Amino acid sequence: MYVRHSPLIHLTSPQLYHQEHNQQNQSHKLWQLLFDKPEHHELWEAKLVQCRDFGKCIQLNFTISHPMPETLLIMLWQDQLDAHSWRRLKALAKW
């Protein structure tokens, strides 16, 4: 079954650079995804499963934990992000 999601309006990553002594699985902390629903905004929590670099776009694969378990793929294009966020995602994709 294919479910069309509402537009993603904000993506918040965990602080990946914090607590350098505990570097393993830092990318698997919960991320927050804010979607624009017709009558309200909806906040989802997810674990990042994979981050892939395709040059001008980055693919993020998530496992959603709230509001319902499912998987989600998001493609982010370079022109959708500021330079600082783009560099951070590119570094994450290489990690």
N, C-alpha and C. Protein backbone atom coordinates (compact mmCIF):
# COMPACT_ATOMS: atom_id res chain seq x y z
N MET A 1 0.84 -1.18 0.00
CA MET A 1 0.00 0.00 0.00
C MET A 1 0.88 1.24 0.00
N TYR A 2 0.61 2.20 -0.84
CA TYR A 2 1.36 3.44 -0.93
C TYR A 2 0.58 4.54 -0.23
N VAL A 3 1.24 5.23 0.70
CA VAL A 3 0.60 6.32 1.43
C VAL A 3 1.33 7.60 1.09
N ARG A 4 0.62 8.60 0.61
CA ARG A 4 1.21 9.90 0.28
C ARG A 4 1.21 10.75 1.54
N HIS A 5 2.39 11.21 1.93
CA HIS A 5 2.52 12.03 3.13
C HIS A 5 2.35 13.50 2.79
N SER A 6 1.97 14.26 3.77
CA SER A 6 1.88 15.71 3.63
C SER A 6 3.30 16.26 3.51
N PRO A 7 3.43 17.51 3.05
CA PRO A 7 4.76 18.10 2.89
C PRO A 7 5.53 18.19 4.21
N LEU A 8 6.81 17.85 4.15
CA LEU A 8 7.71 18.01 5.29
C LEU A 8 8.10 19.48 5.36
N ILE A 9 7.86 20.12 6.50
CA ILE A 9 8.19 21.54 6.61
C ILE A 9 9.38 21.79 7.52
N HIS A 10 9.77 20.81 8.32
CA HIS A 10 10.93 20.99 9.18
C HIS A 10 11.49 19.63 9.59
N LEU A 11 12.81 19.57 9.67
CA LEU A 11 13.51 18.35 10.05
C LEU A 11 14.54 18.72 11.10
N THR A 12 14.50 18.06 12.25
CA THR A 12 15.44 18.34 13.33
C THR A 12 16.24 17.08 13.63
N SER A 13 17.56 17.23 13.56
CA SER A 13 18.43 16.09 13.85
C SER A 13 18.87 16.14 15.30
N PRO A 14 19.25 14.97 15.83
CA PRO A 14 19.84 14.98 17.18
C PRO A 14 21.22 15.63 17.09
N GLN A 15 21.77 16.04 18.20
CA GLN A 15 23.10 16.66 18.19
C GLN A 15 24.14 15.57 18.01
N LEU A 16 24.51 15.33 16.77
CA LEU A 16 25.42 14.24 16.44
C LEU A 16 26.83 14.50 16.94
N TYR A 17 27.21 15.75 17.08
CA TYR A 17 28.56 16.10 17.47
C TYR A 17 28.73 16.14 18.98
N HIS A 18 27.65 16.04 19.73
CA HIS A 18 27.70 16.15 21.19
C HIS A 18 28.15 14.81 21.78
N GLN A 19 28.82 14.85 22.90
CA GLN A 19 29.28 13.66 23.62
C GLN A 19 30.22 12.82 22.74
N GLU A 20 31.38 13.37 22.43
CA GLU A 20 32.33 12.71 21.54
C GLU A 20 32.80 11.36 22.07
N HIS A 21 32.75 11.16 23.39
CA HIS A 21 33.19 9.88 23.96
C HIS A 21 32.25 8.73 23.60
N ASN A 22 31.04 9.04 23.18
CA ASN A 22 30.06 8.01 22.83
C ASN A 22 29.68 8.17 21.36
N GLN A 23 30.60 7.82 20.45
CA GLN A 23 30.40 8.08 19.03
C GLN A 23 29.60 6.99 18.32
N GLN A 24 29.51 5.81 18.85
CA GLN A 24 28.83 4.75 18.12
C GLN A 24 27.32 4.98 18.07
N ASN A 25 26.75 4.77 16.89
CA ASN A 25 25.31 4.88 16.65
C ASN A 25 24.72 6.24 16.97
N GLN A 26 25.50 7.31 16.87
CA GLN A 26 24.97 8.65 17.11
C GLN A 26 23.88 9.01 16.10
N SER A 27 23.98 8.52 14.87
CA SER A 27 22.99 8.86 13.86
C SER A 27 21.65 8.17 14.08
N HIS A 28 21.59 7.22 15.04
CA HIS A 28 20.35 6.50 15.28
C HIS A 28 19.52 7.06 16.42
N LYS A 29 19.91 8.22 16.95
CA LYS A 29 19.06 8.88 17.93
C LYS A 29 17.81 9.37 17.22
N LEU A 30 16.80 9.73 17.99
CA LEU A 30 15.53 10.13 17.38
C LEU A 30 15.63 11.50 16.69
N TRP A 31 15.14 11.54 15.49
CA TRP A 31 15.01 12.78 14.72
C TRP A 31 13.55 13.21 14.84
N GLN A 32 13.28 14.47 14.58
CA GLN A 32 11.90 14.97 14.58
C GLN A 32 11.58 15.50 13.18
N LEU A 33 10.42 15.10 12.68
CA LEU A 33 9.96 15.51 11.36
C LEU A 33 8.60 16.19 11.53
N LEU A 34 8.48 17.41 11.05
CA LEU A 34 7.24 18.16 11.18
C LEU A 34 6.56 18.23 9.81
N PHE A 35 5.34 17.71 9.75
CA PHE A 35 4.58 17.68 8.50
C PHE A 35 3.43 18.68 8.55
N ASP A 36 3.12 19.24 7.40
CA ASP A 36 2.03 20.20 7.26
C ASP A 36 0.76 19.45 6.83
N LYS A 37 -0.11 19.22 7.78
CA LYS A 37 -1.39 18.56 7.50
C LYS A 37 -2.43 19.63 7.14
N PRO A 38 -3.53 19.27 6.52
CA PRO A 38 -4.53 20.26 6.09
C PRO A 38 -5.02 21.19 7.21
N GLU A 39 -5.23 20.68 8.40
CA GLU A 39 -5.78 21.51 9.47
C GLU A 39 -4.82 21.75 10.63
N HIS A 40 -3.63 21.13 10.59
CA HIS A 40 -2.68 21.28 11.69
C HIS A 40 -1.31 20.78 11.25
N HIS A 41 -0.31 20.96 12.11
CA HIS A 41 1.01 20.38 11.89
C HIS A 41 1.10 19.10 12.72
N GLU A 42 1.86 18.14 12.22
CA GLU A 42 2.01 16.87 12.92
C GLU A 42 3.48 16.55 13.09
N LEU A 43 3.90 16.27 14.32
CA LEU A 43 5.29 15.98 14.64
C LEU A 43 5.49 14.46 14.74
N TRP A 44 6.46 13.97 13.98
CA TRP A 44 6.79 12.55 14.00
C TRP A 44 8.18 12.37 14.59
N GLU A 45 8.42 11.23 15.22
CA GLU A 45 9.74 10.85 15.70
C GLU A 45 10.23 9.67 14.88
N ALA A 46 11.52 9.70 14.55
CA ALA A 46 12.05 8.66 13.68
C ALA A 46 13.53 8.40 13.97
N LYS A 47 13.97 7.19 13.59
CA LYS A 47 15.39 6.84 13.64
C LYS A 47 15.93 6.90 12.22
N LEU A 48 17.08 7.51 12.06
CA LEU A 48 17.73 7.53 10.76
C LEU A 48 18.37 6.17 10.52
N VAL A 49 17.99 5.51 9.45
CA VAL A 49 18.50 4.19 9.12
C VAL A 49 19.65 4.30 8.13
N GLN A 50 19.52 5.23 7.16
CA GLN A 50 20.53 5.37 6.13
C GLN A 50 20.53 6.79 5.59
N CYS A 51 21.72 7.28 5.26
CA CYS A 51 21.87 8.59 4.63
C CYS A 51 22.80 8.40 3.44
N ARG A 52 22.31 8.69 2.23
CA ARG A 52 23.08 8.46 1.01
C ARG A 52 23.26 9.76 0.25
N ASP A 53 24.46 9.96 -0.25
CA ASP A 53 24.82 11.16 -1.00
C ASP A 53 24.75 10.85 -2.50
N PHE A 54 23.96 11.64 -3.23
CA PHE A 54 23.83 11.48 -4.67
C PHE A 54 24.29 12.75 -5.40
N GLY A 55 25.24 13.46 -4.82
CA GLY A 55 25.74 14.68 -5.45
C GLY A 55 24.91 15.89 -5.09
N LYS A 56 23.90 16.18 -5.89
CA LYS A 56 23.05 17.36 -5.67
C LYS A 56 21.85 17.06 -4.78
N CYS A 57 21.69 15.80 -4.37
CA CYS A 57 20.61 15.46 -3.44
C CYS A 57 21.11 14.43 -2.43
N ILE A 58 20.44 14.39 -1.31
CA ILE A 58 20.75 13.44 -0.25
C ILE A 58 19.47 12.69 0.10
N GLN A 59 19.59 11.38 0.20
CA GLN A 59 18.45 10.53 0.54
C GLN A 59 18.55 10.13 2.01
N LEU A 60 17.49 10.38 2.76
CA LEU A 60 17.41 9.99 4.16
C LEU A 60 16.35 8.91 4.30
N ASN A 61 16.72 7.77 4.87
CA ASN A 61 15.78 6.68 5.12
C ASN A 61 15.53 6.61 6.62
N PHE A 62 14.27 6.68 7.00
CA PHE A 62 13.89 6.68 8.41
C PHE A 62 13.00 5.51 8.73
N THR A 63 13.04 5.09 10.00
CA THR A 63 12.04 4.20 10.58
C THR A 63 11.26 5.07 11.56
N ILE A 64 9.99 5.25 11.29
CA ILE A 64 9.13 6.09 12.12
C ILE A 64 8.74 5.32 13.37
N SER A 65 8.85 5.98 14.52
CA SER A 65 8.41 5.33 15.76
C SER A 65 7.12 5.94 16.30
N HIS A 66 6.84 7.19 15.93
CA HIS A 66 5.62 7.86 16.36
C HIS A 66 5.16 8.79 15.25
N PRO A 67 3.94 8.80 14.83
CA PRO A 67 2.74 8.30 15.47
C PRO A 67 2.42 6.84 15.16
N MET A 68 3.00 6.27 14.09
CA MET A 68 2.75 4.88 13.77
C MET A 68 4.02 4.29 13.16
N PRO A 69 4.30 3.03 13.42
CA PRO A 69 5.51 2.42 12.86
C PRO A 69 5.42 2.28 11.34
N GLU A 70 6.42 2.78 10.65
CA GLU A 70 6.52 2.63 9.21
C GLU A 70 7.89 3.13 8.77
N THR A 71 8.21 2.98 7.52
CA THR A 71 9.46 3.50 6.98
C THR A 71 9.14 4.69 6.09
N LEU A 72 10.12 5.58 5.97
CA LEU A 72 9.93 6.80 5.19
C LEU A 72 11.23 7.17 4.51
N LEU A 73 11.17 7.51 3.23
CA LEU A 73 12.32 7.95 2.47
C LEU A 73 12.11 9.42 2.12
N ILE A 74 13.11 10.25 2.38
CA ILE A 74 13.04 11.68 2.07
C ILE A 74 14.23 12.05 1.20
N MET A 75 13.97 12.75 0.11
CA MET A 75 15.03 13.27 -0.75
C MET A 75 15.13 14.77 -0.51
N LEU A 76 16.33 15.23 -0.17
CA LEU A 76 16.59 16.66 0.04
C LEU A 76 17.54 17.14 -1.05
N TRP A 77 17.17 18.20 -1.74
CA TRP A 77 18.00 18.77 -2.80
C TRP A 77 18.81 19.92 -2.23
N GLN A 78 19.97 20.13 -2.79
CA GLN A 78 20.90 21.14 -2.30
C GLN A 78 20.26 22.52 -2.23
N ASP A 79 19.44 22.87 -3.21
CA ASP A 79 18.83 24.20 -3.22
C ASP A 79 17.69 24.36 -2.21
N GLN A 80 17.34 23.29 -1.49
CA GLN A 80 16.32 23.36 -0.44
C GLN A 80 16.90 23.72 0.93
N LEU A 81 18.22 23.69 1.05
CA LEU A 81 18.88 23.86 2.35
C LEU A 81 19.88 25.00 2.33
N ASP A 82 20.16 25.54 3.53
CA ASP A 82 21.23 26.53 3.62
C ASP A 82 22.57 25.79 3.54
N ALA A 83 23.64 26.51 3.30
CA ALA A 83 24.96 25.91 3.08
C ALA A 83 25.45 25.11 4.29
N HIS A 84 25.22 25.62 5.49
CA HIS A 84 25.67 24.93 6.70
C HIS A 84 24.96 23.57 6.87
N SER A 85 23.65 23.55 6.70
CA SER A 85 22.89 22.30 6.82
C SER A 85 23.30 21.31 5.75
N TRP A 86 23.53 21.81 4.53
CA TRP A 86 23.95 20.94 3.43
C TRP A 86 25.29 20.28 3.75
N ARG A 87 26.26 21.03 4.25
CA ARG A 87 27.57 20.48 4.60
C ARG A 87 27.45 19.42 5.70
N ARG A 88 26.60 19.67 6.68
CA ARG A 88 26.41 18.70 7.76
C ARG A 88 25.81 17.39 7.25
N LEU A 89 24.83 17.48 6.36
CA LEU A 89 24.23 16.26 5.81
C LEU A 89 25.22 15.51 4.90
N LYS A 90 26.02 16.24 4.15
CA LYS A 90 27.02 15.60 3.31
C LYS A 90 28.03 14.84 4.18
N ALA A 91 28.43 15.45 5.30
CA ALA A 91 29.36 14.78 6.22
C ALA A 91 28.71 13.54 6.83
N LEU A 92 27.45 13.64 7.18
CA LEU A 92 26.73 12.50 7.75
C LEU A 92 26.65 11.36 6.75
N ALA A 93 26.45 11.67 5.48
CA ALA A 93 26.35 10.64 4.44
C ALA A 93 27.68 9.90 4.27
N LYS A 94 28.79 10.57 4.54
CA LYS A 94 30.10 9.92 4.42
C LYS A 94 30.44 9.08 5.64
N TRP A 95 29.78 9.34 6.77
CA TRP A 95 30.08 8.68 8.03
C TRP A 95 29.68 7.28 7.96
